[in-house]
N, C-alpha and C. Protein backbone atom coordinates (compact mmCIF):
# COMPACT_ATOMS: atom_id res chain seq x y z
N UNK A 1 -1.74 10.19 -7.01
CA UNK A 1 -0.37 10.68 -6.82
C UNK A 1 0.36 9.13 -6.81
N UNK A 2 2.10 9.29 -7.18
CA UNK A 2 2.66 8.21 -7.58
C UNK A 2 3.53 8.06 -6.26
N UNK A 3 3.83 6.93 -5.89
CA UNK A 3 4.71 6.71 -4.77
C UNK A 3 6.10 7.52 -4.78
N UNK A 4 6.99 8.27 -3.80
CA UNK A 4 7.84 8.92 -3.83
C UNK A 4 7.61 10.00 -4.53
N UNK A 5 6.58 10.38 -4.79
CA UNK A 5 6.24 11.73 -5.49
C UNK A 5 6.16 12.97 -4.45
N UNK A 6 6.50 14.10 -4.58
CA UNK A 6 6.23 14.86 -3.24
C UNK A 6 5.55 15.93 -3.96
N UNK A 7 4.88 16.48 -2.83
CA UNK A 7 3.76 17.55 -3.28
C UNK A 7 3.67 18.55 -2.00
N UNK A 8 2.74 19.43 -1.98
CA UNK A 8 2.24 20.26 -0.89
C UNK A 8 0.92 20.10 -0.51
N UNK A 9 0.43 20.25 0.62
CA UNK A 9 -1.18 20.13 1.07
C UNK A 9 -1.55 21.73 0.69
N UNK A 10 -2.18 22.16 -0.19
CA UNK A 10 -2.76 23.45 -0.29
C UNK A 10 -4.02 23.84 0.70
N UNK A 11 -4.76 22.73 1.09
CA UNK A 11 -5.63 23.10 1.95
C UNK A 11 -6.35 21.77 2.21
N UNK A 12 -7.46 21.54 3.30
CA UNK A 12 -7.81 20.50 3.89
C UNK A 12 -9.14 20.19 2.75
N UNK A 13 -9.25 19.01 2.50
CA UNK A 13 -10.34 18.70 1.46
C UNK A 13 -11.56 17.94 1.93
N UNK A 14 -12.27 18.62 3.23
CA UNK A 14 -13.31 17.79 3.79
C UNK A 14 -13.90 18.78 4.70
N UNK A 15 -14.97 18.51 4.87
CA UNK A 15 -16.08 19.17 5.87
C UNK A 15 -16.63 18.42 6.98
N UNK A 16 -16.12 17.20 7.10
CA UNK A 16 -16.30 15.99 8.27
C UNK A 16 -15.16 16.54 9.23
N UNK A 17 -15.73 17.23 10.47
CA UNK A 17 -14.86 17.40 11.64
C UNK A 17 -14.12 16.27 11.76
N UNK A 18 -14.48 15.11 12.11
CA UNK A 18 -13.71 14.00 12.61
C UNK A 18 -12.30 13.88 11.99
N UNK A 19 -12.54 13.87 10.30
CA UNK A 19 -11.72 13.70 9.45
C UNK A 19 -10.60 14.77 9.51
N UNK A 20 -11.03 15.96 9.52
CA UNK A 20 -10.42 17.13 9.31
C UNK A 20 -9.45 17.33 10.83
N UNK A 21 -10.05 16.94 11.85
CA UNK A 21 -9.11 16.71 13.10
C UNK A 21 -8.08 15.76 13.24
N UNK A 22 -8.28 14.47 12.44
CA UNK A 22 -7.45 13.74 12.49
C UNK A 22 -6.44 14.36 11.19
N UNK A 23 -6.62 14.97 10.34
CA UNK A 23 -5.62 15.31 9.45
C UNK A 23 -4.68 16.38 10.35
N UNK A 24 -5.59 17.14 10.54
CA UNK A 24 -4.65 18.23 11.32
C UNK A 24 -3.68 17.91 12.51
N UNK A 25 -4.06 16.83 13.28
CA UNK A 25 -3.31 16.03 14.58
C UNK A 25 -2.04 15.27 13.67
N UNK A 26 -2.21 15.09 12.29
CA UNK A 26 -1.15 14.35 11.57
C UNK A 26 -0.25 15.47 11.09
N UNK A 27 -0.49 16.79 10.96
CA UNK A 27 0.16 17.83 10.55
C UNK A 27 0.00 18.13 9.18
N UNK A 28 -1.13 17.41 8.51
CA UNK A 28 -1.34 17.89 7.27
C UNK A 28 -2.14 19.20 7.14
N UNK A 29 -1.34 20.01 7.36
CA UNK A 29 -1.32 21.47 7.29
C UNK A 29 -1.11 22.12 6.11
N UNK A 30 -2.18 23.29 5.48
CA UNK A 30 -1.78 24.14 4.26
C UNK A 30 -0.27 24.39 4.39
N UNK A 31 0.48 24.14 3.12
CA UNK A 31 1.75 24.72 2.98
C UNK A 31 2.74 23.47 3.31
N UNK A 32 2.19 22.23 4.12
CA UNK A 32 3.25 21.30 4.65
C UNK A 32 3.52 20.31 3.28
N UNK A 33 4.88 20.03 3.15
CA UNK A 33 5.58 19.44 2.07
C UNK A 33 5.04 17.91 2.41
N UNK A 34 4.75 16.83 1.45
CA UNK A 34 4.16 15.48 1.93
C UNK A 34 4.90 14.64 0.47
N UNK A 35 4.66 13.54 1.15
CA UNK A 35 5.71 12.44 0.26
C UNK A 35 4.90 11.29 0.23
N UNK A 36 4.13 10.79 -0.66
CA UNK A 36 3.38 9.73 -0.64
C UNK A 36 4.51 8.35 -0.60
N UNK A 37 4.77 7.48 0.16
CA UNK A 37 5.67 6.30 0.18
C UNK A 37 4.69 5.07 -0.48
N UNK A 38 3.46 4.86 0.14
CA UNK A 38 3.07 3.51 -0.45
C UNK A 38 1.81 3.69 -1.00
N UNK A 39 1.10 3.39 -1.68
CA UNK A 39 -0.27 3.64 -2.12
C UNK A 39 -1.50 2.45 -1.43
N UNK A 40 -2.51 2.77 -1.65
CA UNK A 40 -3.65 1.85 -1.11
C UNK A 40 -3.50 0.60 -1.13
N UNK A 41 -4.21 -0.43 -0.55
CA UNK A 41 -5.35 -0.18 0.48
C UNK A 41 -4.86 0.78 1.71
N UNK A 42 -3.91 0.33 2.50
CA UNK A 42 -3.38 1.74 3.28
C UNK A 42 -1.89 2.29 2.57
N UNK A 43 -2.33 3.59 2.94
CA UNK A 43 -1.55 4.67 2.31
C UNK A 43 -0.39 5.38 3.46
N UNK A 44 0.63 5.24 2.93
CA UNK A 44 1.97 5.59 3.98
C UNK A 44 2.32 6.82 3.40
N UNK A 45 2.37 7.95 4.02
CA UNK A 45 2.67 8.89 3.34
C UNK A 45 3.68 9.79 4.69
N UNK A 46 4.44 10.63 4.32
CA UNK A 46 5.35 11.54 5.24
C UNK A 46 5.09 12.98 5.21
N UNK A 47 4.90 13.52 6.60
CA UNK A 47 4.87 14.79 6.74
C UNK A 47 5.75 15.37 7.57
N UNK A 48 6.46 16.04 7.34
CA UNK A 48 7.44 16.72 8.53
C UNK A 48 8.32 15.52 9.09
N UNK A 49 8.97 14.83 8.35
CA UNK A 49 9.72 13.52 8.76
C UNK A 49 8.88 12.65 10.04
N UNK A 50 7.61 12.69 9.71
CA UNK A 50 6.82 11.58 10.33
C UNK A 50 5.88 10.72 9.50
N UNK A 51 5.98 9.52 9.60
CA UNK A 51 5.09 8.90 8.59
C UNK A 51 3.93 8.43 9.37
N UNK A 52 2.78 8.21 8.57
CA UNK A 52 1.64 7.86 8.87
C UNK A 52 0.84 7.05 7.68
N UNK A 53 -0.03 6.09 8.57
CA UNK A 53 -0.61 5.17 7.56
C UNK A 53 -1.93 5.38 7.88
N UNK A 54 -2.68 5.29 6.55
CA UNK A 54 -4.31 6.00 6.72
C UNK A 54 -4.85 4.97 5.94
N UNK A 55 -6.12 4.78 6.05
CA UNK A 55 -6.94 3.93 5.29
C UNK A 55 -7.42 4.87 3.98
N UNK A 56 -8.36 4.29 3.50
CA UNK A 56 -8.31 4.79 1.91
C UNK A 56 -9.59 5.98 2.29
N UNK A 57 -10.49 6.02 3.33
CA UNK A 57 -11.40 7.04 3.46
C UNK A 57 -10.84 8.26 3.95
N UNK A 58 -9.59 8.35 4.70
CA UNK A 58 -8.82 9.52 5.37
C UNK A 58 -8.06 9.95 3.72
N UNK A 59 -7.13 9.02 3.24
CA UNK A 59 -6.51 9.26 1.91
C UNK A 59 -7.13 9.84 0.99
N UNK A 60 -8.58 10.01 0.97
CA UNK A 60 -9.09 10.58 -0.20
C UNK A 60 -9.46 12.01 0.19
N UNK A 61 -9.29 12.26 1.29
CA UNK A 61 -9.45 13.95 1.99
C UNK A 61 -7.87 14.36 2.05
N UNK A 62 -6.88 13.96 1.69
CA UNK A 62 -5.63 14.60 1.52
C UNK A 62 -5.47 15.04 0.16
N UNK A 63 -5.88 16.41 -0.21
CA UNK A 63 -5.55 16.84 -1.52
C UNK A 63 -3.77 17.34 -1.55
N UNK A 64 -3.47 17.27 -2.26
CA UNK A 64 -1.68 17.73 -2.75
C UNK A 64 -1.65 18.23 -4.20
N UNK A 65 -0.99 19.23 -4.00
CA UNK A 65 -0.57 20.02 -5.23
C UNK A 65 0.93 19.96 -5.63
N UNK A 66 1.39 19.56 -6.99
CA UNK A 66 2.72 19.99 -7.45
C UNK A 66 3.32 20.90 -7.46
């Protein structure tokens, strides 16, 4: 995903419960709009008017459709 591009989260893309709980706590729920603001090494994205910075391991589990 390119910076400033918007999409929606169709589903969580992990079976790791720790990562799944982190994504849920950040509001990364199915159907939520998401905007990537900065790419790795630390990804900055916005969900529901809140910005989050995540490392590559977490970012790799955020699937976005356009």
